[in-house]
Amino acid sequence: MRKCTYSAQRERIVAEAISPVASELRLLDAADLVSLLRFECYGNLADLVASAAELYFLPGTVVFGAGGDYKLDWGDEPEVTLDLELRPQGVTVYARLQLGNERAGVEITHVAFDNPAADPDDNTALLAASLRDAQFKRLGSTTGGFEARSAA
């Protein structure tokens, strides 16, 4: 995606939203992710991403995209990059999630709004609201339960 003034803000919004999913995926052994990418086992990767996302998002909100990549050099920590699609209501975000030993990062490659506004700030606000509405939220600190936020 061509970087513009609102790109960094949108990447920050997406990164904050999917950080729990990235943390779940970082629990997987890097060698397993590398082998699944190398042997093009994309269905298995899609299942892993769906399993990590189902704890935090409504079904179908965060899905595995078209592929991924890995960096595996002697003496360095492995790094795995997964293509993701985020599909909250009204927006589709194509992103690359980089998973490392100590950190994770996200790079947005494209954002498509179903009904884009003329003002980019309005589109950014829509992205944030749509992701927030697609997340599960805690009911109460004592119950430990979750509920889906409903888009109204």
Protein backbone atom coordinates (compact mmCIF):
# COMPACT_ATOMS: atom_id res chain seq x y z
CA MET A 1 0.00 0.00 0.00
CA ARG A 2 1.24 3.44 -0.81
CA LYS A 3 2.01 5.10 2.52
CA CYS A 4 0.12 8.28 3.28
CA THR A 5 -0.60 10.47 6.29
CA TYR A 6 -3.28 8.17 7.70
CA SER A 7 -1.49 4.84 7.02
CA ALA A 8 0.41 4.81 10.31
CA GLN A 9 -2.76 5.54 12.29
CA ARG A 10 -4.64 2.72 10.55
CA GLU A 11 -1.77 0.28 11.12
CA ARG A 12 -1.76 1.22 14.81
CA ILE A 13 -5.54 0.60 15.02
CA VAL A 14 -5.21 -2.79 13.33
CA ALA A 15 -2.15 -3.74 15.40
CA GLU A 16 -3.92 -2.96 18.67
CA ALA A 17 -7.00 -4.89 17.58
CA ILE A 18 -5.20 -8.06 16.50
CA SER A 19 -2.45 -8.08 19.13
CA PRO A 20 -4.18 -10.86 21.13
CA VAL A 21 -4.41 -12.96 17.95
CA ALA A 22 -0.72 -12.37 17.27
CA SER A 23 0.09 -13.41 20.84
CA GLU A 24 -1.86 -16.65 20.37
CA LEU A 25 -0.06 -17.38 17.08
CA ARG A 26 3.32 -16.70 18.69
CA LEU A 27 2.62 -19.60 21.07
CA LEU A 28 3.01 -21.94 18.09
CA ASP A 29 6.44 -23.33 17.32
CA ALA A 30 8.07 -21.27 14.57
CA ALA A 31 9.33 -24.45 12.88
CA ASP A 32 5.75 -25.66 12.52
CA LEU A 33 4.65 -22.41 10.89
CA VAL A 34 7.68 -22.45 8.57
CA SER A 35 6.97 -26.03 7.49
CA LEU A 36 3.29 -25.27 6.86
CA LEU A 37 4.29 -22.31 4.69
CA ARG A 38 7.06 -24.21 2.90
CA PHE A 39 4.80 -27.12 2.01
CA GLU A 40 1.89 -24.80 1.17
CA CYS A 41 -0.45 -26.28 3.78
CA TYR A 42 -2.65 -23.20 3.61
CA GLY A 43 -5.74 -24.96 4.92
CA ASN A 44 -3.88 -25.87 8.09
CA LEU A 45 -2.65 -22.29 8.47
CA ALA A 46 -6.20 -21.02 7.94
CA ASP A 47 -7.39 -23.32 10.74
CA LEU A 48 -4.66 -22.08 13.10
CA VAL A 49 -5.48 -18.44 12.39
CA ALA A 50 -9.20 -19.10 12.81
CA SER A 51 -8.56 -20.87 16.12
CA ALA A 52 -6.45 -17.98 17.41
CA ALA A 53 -8.98 -15.37 16.27
CA GLU A 54 -12.11 -17.13 17.56
CA LEU A 55 -11.18 -16.24 21.12
CA TYR A 56 -11.27 -12.51 20.41
CA PHE A 57 -13.36 -11.80 17.28
CA LEU A 58 -16.66 -12.74 15.75
CA PRO A 59 -16.35 -15.68 13.31
CA GLY A 60 -14.94 -14.71 9.92
CA THR A 61 -13.51 -11.39 11.07
CA VAL A 62 -9.83 -12.44 10.99
CA VAL A 63 -8.94 -15.04 8.37
CA PHE A 64 -5.76 -16.34 6.76
CA GLY A 65 -5.07 -14.67 3.44
CA ALA A 66 -3.23 -15.82 0.35
CA GLY A 67 0.03 -17.08 1.84
CA GLY A 68 3.00 -15.93 3.82
CA ASP A 69 6.75 -15.93 4.07
CA TYR A 70 9.50 -16.77 6.52
CA LYS A 71 13.02 -15.67 7.30
CA LEU A 72 15.25 -18.45 8.56
CA ASP A 73 18.96 -17.61 8.66
CA TRP A 74 21.79 -19.22 10.60
CA GLY A 75 22.31 -17.49 13.92
CA ASP A 76 19.11 -15.44 13.72
CA GLU A 77 15.72 -15.98 15.28
CA PRO A 78 13.10 -17.21 12.81
CA GLU A 79 10.50 -14.72 11.62
CA VAL A 80 7.21 -15.75 10.02
CA THR A 81 4.93 -13.47 8.01
CA LEU A 82 1.30 -14.43 7.46
CA ASP A 83 -1.12 -12.77 5.07
CA LEU A 84 -4.33 -11.92 6.88
CA GLU A 85 -7.69 -10.54 5.88
CA LEU A 86 -9.71 -8.64 8.46
CA ARG A 87 -13.37 -8.38 7.55
CA PRO A 88 -15.27 -6.35 10.10
CA GLN A 89 -18.57 -4.94 8.89
CA GLY A 90 -18.08 -2.32 6.17
CA VAL A 91 -14.32 -2.76 5.75
CA THR A 92 -11.85 -5.30 4.38
CA VAL A 93 -8.22 -4.97 5.46
CA TYR A 94 -5.44 -6.92 3.78
CA ALA A 95 -2.43 -7.10 6.08
CA ARG A 96 0.81 -8.94 6.68
CA LEU A 97 1.41 -10.09 10.26
CA GLN A 98 5.09 -10.52 11.16
CA LEU A 99 5.71 -12.90 14.04
CA GLY A 100 9.08 -12.93 15.75
CA ASN A 101 10.46 -14.43 18.93
CA GLU A 102 9.99 -11.32 21.08
CA ARG A 103 7.57 -9.22 19.03
CA ALA A 104 4.93 -9.07 16.35
CA GLY A 105 4.15 -6.37 13.80
CA VAL A 106 1.57 -5.60 11.17
CA GLU A 107 1.77 -3.98 7.76
CA ILE A 108 -1.41 -3.05 5.92
CA THR A 109 -1.22 -3.73 2.20
CA HIS A 110 -4.73 -2.55 1.26
CA VAL A 111 -7.91 -1.25 2.88
CA ALA A 112 -11.24 -1.45 1.05
CA PHE A 113 -14.28 0.33 2.45
CA ASP A 114 -17.73 -0.83 1.32
CA ASN A 115 -18.99 2.77 1.26
CA PRO A 116 -15.94 5.04 1.55
CA ALA A 117 -16.40 8.55 2.89
CA ALA A 118 -14.81 11.54 1.21
CA ASP A 119 -12.81 12.33 4.34
CA PRO A 120 -10.00 9.84 5.14
CA ASP A 121 -10.41 10.59 8.86
CA ASP A 122 -14.01 9.36 8.70
CA ASN A 123 -12.80 6.17 7.03
CA THR A 124 -10.18 5.69 9.75
CA ALA A 125 -12.85 6.19 12.43
CA LEU A 126 -15.06 3.64 10.64
CA LEU A 127 -12.17 1.14 10.62
CA ALA A 128 -11.63 1.58 14.37
CA ALA A 129 -15.35 1.31 15.16
CA SER A 130 -15.84 -1.74 12.92
CA LEU A 131 -12.94 -3.60 14.52
CA ARG A 132 -14.18 -2.67 17.99
CA ASP A 133 -17.69 -3.93 17.15
CA ALA A 134 -16.30 -7.23 15.83
CA GLN A 135 -14.39 -7.96 19.05
CA PHE A 136 -15.63 -9.88 22.04
CA LYS A 137 -15.61 -7.86 25.25
CA ARG A 138 -15.48 -8.90 28.88
CA LEU A 139 -18.80 -8.84 30.71
CA GLY A 140 -17.43 -8.24 34.17
CA SER A 141 -14.25 -8.70 36.10
CA THR A 142 -15.79 -11.31 38.41
CA THR A 143 -17.61 -13.42 35.83
CA GLY A 144 -14.74 -13.91 33.42
CA GLY A 145 -17.31 -14.25 30.64
CA PHE A 146 -17.30 -12.67 27.22
CA GLU A 147 -20.00 -11.38 24.95
CA ALA A 148 -20.03 -10.18 21.38
CA ARG A 149 -20.51 -6.51 20.74
CA SER A 150 -23.40 -6.13 18.39
CA ALA A 151 -23.27 -3.65 15.56
CA ALA A 152 -26.29 -1.40 15.78
